[in-house]
Amino acid sequence: MKISRITAARVVKGHSVELRFDDEFVGKLDLSPVLWGPVFEPLKDPNFFSSFRLEDDTIRWPNGADFCPEVLRYWCEVGSVRTPEETDSHFASLPGLLPHSYIPFPPVASS
């Protein structure tokens, strides 16, 4: 599996970003579905959200929050954030390792 590298990023609107990868692929992605929990909750503030920087081939915020660039690439290619199961299934079907710690979805309440 080729490692994805983000080479440029900008906020498009709200919590949506436009990401350019090292192979010139450009995708747009609304990250609002994954902005919860102690690390990602601060990103709900639009000013804080727009304070990311490019670091280690991905976007990273001052509080250390970041996303695996391979996951961001996959989500861009399919047009939106996917569930952990969909994302795991995608990466399990590819040769190589699963990305690490990539989806901060809230736990599902049992009924």
C-alpha atoms as a PDB file:
ATOM      1  CA  MET A   1       0.000   0.000   0.000  1.00  0.00           C
ATOM      2  CA  LYS A   2       1.385   3.401  -1.004  1.00  0.00           C
ATOM      3  CA  ILE A   3       1.698   5.796   1.889  1.00  0.00           C
ATOM      4  CA  SER A   4      -0.416   8.925   1.420  1.00  0.00           C
ATOM      5  CA  ARG A   5       1.158  12.289   2.080  1.00  0.00           C
ATOM      6  CA  ILE A   6      -0.835  15.486   2.398  1.00  0.00           C
ATOM      7  CA  THR A   7       1.018  18.357   0.755  1.00  0.00           C
ATOM      8  CA  ALA A   8      -1.547  21.160   1.130  1.00  0.00           C
ATOM      9  CA  ALA A   9      -4.717  21.704   3.122  1.00  0.00           C
ATOM     10  CA  ARG A  10      -7.230  24.457   3.672  1.00  0.00           C
ATOM     11  CA  VAL A  11     -10.559  24.949   5.383  1.00  0.00           C
ATOM     12  CA  VAL A  12     -13.320  25.167   2.797  1.00  0.00           C
ATOM     13  CA  LYS A  13     -16.233  25.963   5.112  1.00  0.00           C
ATOM     14  CA  GLY A  14     -17.114  25.076   8.680  1.00  0.00           C
ATOM     15  CA  HIS A  15     -15.401  21.754   9.394  1.00  0.00           C
ATOM     16  CA  SER A  16     -14.776  20.860   5.769  1.00  0.00           C
ATOM     17  CA  VAL A  17     -11.260  20.709   4.428  1.00  0.00           C
ATOM     18  CA  GLU A  18      -9.719  20.446   1.011  1.00  0.00           C
ATOM     19  CA  LEU A  19      -6.686  18.168   0.996  1.00  0.00           C
ATOM     20  CA  ARG A  20      -4.039  17.831  -1.705  1.00  0.00           C
ATOM     21  CA  PHE A  21      -1.957  14.665  -1.714  1.00  0.00           C
ATOM     22  CA  ASP A  22       1.534  14.068  -3.087  1.00  0.00           C
ATOM     23  CA  ASP A  23       0.141  12.473  -6.269  1.00  0.00           C
ATOM     24  CA  GLU A  24      -1.888  15.688  -6.928  1.00  0.00           C
ATOM     25  CA  PHE A  25      -5.209  14.057  -5.932  1.00  0.00           C
ATOM     26  CA  VAL A  26      -7.446  16.680  -4.307  1.00  0.00           C
ATOM     27  CA  GLY A  27     -10.404  15.796  -2.114  1.00  0.00           C
ATOM     28  CA  LYS A  28     -12.863  17.619   0.091  1.00  0.00           C
ATOM     29  CA  LEU A  29     -14.061  16.187   3.371  1.00  0.00           C
ATOM     30  CA  ASP A  30     -16.423  17.264   6.154  1.00  0.00           C
ATOM     31  CA  LEU A  31     -14.818  16.123   9.408  1.00  0.00           C
ATOM     32  CA  SER A  32     -17.679  17.212  11.688  1.00  0.00           C
ATOM     33  CA  PRO A  33     -18.940  13.607  12.243  1.00  0.00           C
ATOM     34  CA  VAL A  34     -15.681  12.711  14.031  1.00  0.00           C
ATOM     35  CA  LEU A  35     -15.265  15.805  16.208  1.00  0.00           C
ATOM     36  CA  TRP A  36     -16.092  14.438  19.644  1.00  0.00           C
ATOM     37  CA  GLY A  37     -14.245  13.230  22.731  1.00  0.00           C
ATOM     38  CA  PRO A  38     -11.471  14.891  24.710  1.00  0.00           C
ATOM     39  CA  VAL A  39      -8.988  15.223  21.831  1.00  0.00           C
ATOM     40  CA  PHE A  40     -11.335  16.118  18.982  1.00  0.00           C
ATOM     41  CA  GLU A  41     -14.057  18.098  20.852  1.00  0.00           C
ATOM     42  CA  PRO A  42     -11.988  21.338  20.806  1.00  0.00           C
ATOM     43  CA  LEU A  43     -12.009  21.172  16.993  1.00  0.00           C
ATOM     44  CA  LYS A  44     -15.728  21.999  17.023  1.00  0.00           C
ATOM     45  CA  ASP A  45     -14.669  25.617  17.599  1.00  0.00           C
ATOM     46  CA  PRO A  46     -14.241  26.954  14.031  1.00  0.00           C
ATOM     47  CA  ASN A  47     -11.278  29.133  15.011  1.00  0.00           C
ATOM     48  CA  PHE A  48      -9.470  26.231  16.622  1.00  0.00           C
ATOM     49  CA  PHE A  49     -10.390  23.918  13.736  1.00  0.00           C
ATOM     50  CA  SER A  50      -8.764  26.295  11.260  1.00  0.00           C
ATOM     51  CA  SER A  51      -5.532  26.354  13.299  1.00  0.00           C
ATOM     52  CA  PHE A  52      -4.216  23.045  11.923  1.00  0.00           C
ATOM     53  CA  ARG A  53      -0.801  22.770  10.317  1.00  0.00           C
ATOM     54  CA  LEU A  54       0.835  20.274   8.009  1.00  0.00           C
ATOM     55  CA  GLU A  55       3.084  17.975  10.006  1.00  0.00           C
ATOM     56  CA  ASP A  56       4.297  14.420   9.420  1.00  0.00           C
ATOM     57  CA  ASP A  57       2.371  14.166   6.119  1.00  0.00           C
ATOM     58  CA  THR A  58      -1.027  14.980   7.689  1.00  0.00           C
ATOM     59  CA  ILE A  59      -2.992  17.787   9.305  1.00  0.00           C
ATOM     60  CA  ARG A  60      -2.386  18.297  13.028  1.00  0.00           C
ATOM     61  CA  TRP A  61      -3.906  20.697  15.528  1.00  0.00           C
ATOM     62  CA  PRO A  62      -2.135  22.474  18.403  1.00  0.00           C
ATOM     63  CA  ASN A  63      -3.638  20.038  20.933  1.00  0.00           C
ATOM     64  CA  GLY A  64      -2.073  17.054  19.118  1.00  0.00           C
ATOM     65  CA  ALA A  65      -5.249  15.890  17.342  1.00  0.00           C
ATOM     66  CA  ASP A  66      -4.619  14.416  13.908  1.00  0.00           C
ATOM     67  CA  PHE A  67      -5.864  11.813  11.462  1.00  0.00           C
ATOM     68  CA  CYS A  68      -4.009   9.083   9.633  1.00  0.00           C
ATOM     69  CA  PRO A  69      -3.395  10.428   6.097  1.00  0.00           C
ATOM     70  CA  GLU A  70      -4.337   7.079   4.505  1.00  0.00           C
ATOM     71  CA  VAL A  71      -7.718   7.253   6.195  1.00  0.00           C
ATOM     72  CA  LEU A  72      -8.225  10.857   5.099  1.00  0.00           C
ATOM     73  CA  ARG A  73      -7.369   9.809   1.545  1.00  0.00           C
ATOM     74  CA  TYR A  74      -9.833   6.910   1.639  1.00  0.00           C
ATOM     75  CA  TRP A  75     -12.596   9.119   3.039  1.00  0.00           C
ATOM     76  CA  CYS A  76     -11.911  11.737   0.349  1.00  0.00           C
ATOM     77  CA  GLU A  77     -12.056   9.099  -2.383  1.00  0.00           C
ATOM     78  CA  VAL A  78     -15.433   7.799  -1.180  1.00  0.00           C
ATOM     79  CA  GLY A  79     -16.794  11.285  -0.546  1.00  0.00           C
ATOM     80  CA  SER A  80     -17.343  11.306   3.216  1.00  0.00           C
ATOM     81  CA  VAL A  81     -16.263  10.014   6.614  1.00  0.00           C
ATOM     82  CA  ARG A  82     -17.131   6.320   6.926  1.00  0.00           C
ATOM     83  CA  THR A  83     -17.959   4.194   9.938  1.00  0.00           C
ATOM     84  CA  PRO A  84     -15.172   2.332  11.721  1.00  0.00           C
ATOM     85  CA  GLU A  85     -16.497  -0.942  10.268  1.00  0.00           C
ATOM     86  CA  GLU A  86     -16.482   0.366   6.690  1.00  0.00           C
ATOM     87  CA  THR A  87     -13.028   1.857   7.114  1.00  0.00           C
ATOM     88  CA  ASP A  88     -11.633  -1.301   8.734  1.00  0.00           C
ATOM     89  CA  SER A  89     -13.136  -3.415   5.968  1.00  0.00           C
ATOM     90  CA  HIS A  90     -11.558  -1.250   3.300  1.00  0.00           C
ATOM     91  CA  PHE A  91      -8.081  -1.434   4.817  1.00  0.00           C
ATOM     92  CA  ALA A  92      -8.400  -5.149   5.624  1.00  0.00           C
ATOM     93  CA  SER A  93      -8.955  -5.775   1.917  1.00  0.00           C
ATOM     94  CA  LEU A  94      -5.627  -4.128   1.033  1.00  0.00           C
ATOM     95  CA  PRO A  95      -2.170  -5.604   1.418  1.00  0.00           C
ATOM     96  CA  GLY A  96      -0.288  -4.047   4.322  1.00  0.00           C
ATOM     97  CA  LEU A  97      -1.159  -2.930   7.814  1.00  0.00           C
ATOM     98  CA  LEU A  98      -4.249  -1.190   9.093  1.00  0.00           C
ATOM     99  CA  PRO A  99      -3.741   2.488   9.909  1.00  0.00           C
ATOM    100  CA  HIS A 100      -3.410   3.182  13.604  1.00  0.00           C
ATOM    101  CA  SER A 101      -5.868   5.058  15.827  1.00  0.00           C
ATOM    102  CA  TYR A 102      -7.832   6.762  13.140  1.00  0.00           C
ATOM    103  CA  ILE A 103     -11.517   7.021  13.996  1.00  0.00           C
ATOM    104  CA  PRO A 104     -12.753   8.861  17.056  1.00  0.00           C
ATOM    105  CA  PHE A 105     -16.400   7.785  16.775  1.00  0.00           C
ATOM    106  CA  PRO A 106     -18.466   7.775  19.937  1.00  0.00           C
ATOM    107  CA  PRO A 107     -19.152   4.337  21.387  1.00  0.00           C
ATOM    108  CA  VAL A 108     -22.439   2.773  20.363  1.00  0.00           C
ATOM    109  CA  ALA A 109     -24.843   2.466  23.268  1.00  0.00           C
ATOM    110  CA  SER A 110     -26.056  -1.061  23.777  1.00  0.00           C
ATOM    111  CA  SER A 111     -29.808  -1.555  23.877  1.00  0.00           C
END
